[in-house]
């Protein structure tokens, strides 16, 4: 059974390429969001199993969105992504309400599956 995924990123081109990649590698991308408030609304509406969540978002950053998602009754598995390396976020990654972190250039279905299994 394919895991359902919501992709959250403020760059449409990245959302499109990530969706194509993940669909080809066995995930079912059920939606996309461009910012934090939209992400929370789409998670409540679509109830995906996994949220691929960019850290650098307008309004609410990915850390704040992850905290809000973790508080939901049916909380999805959150994986943070960024074009920056993990070291740019220091201790915040370890404290985040997320299963893990993947850089955008390292994103693959295998990497995502390893974090959400």
Foldseek 3Di string as FASTA:
>chain_A
DAFEEEEEAQDPVLVVVLCVQQVVVRHHHPYYYNALVRVVVCCVVVVGQEYEAEQDGPPHGRQVSLVVLVPDPSRHAYEYEECDDPVVVPCSQVVGSHLYYDYSVRDHNVVVVVSRD
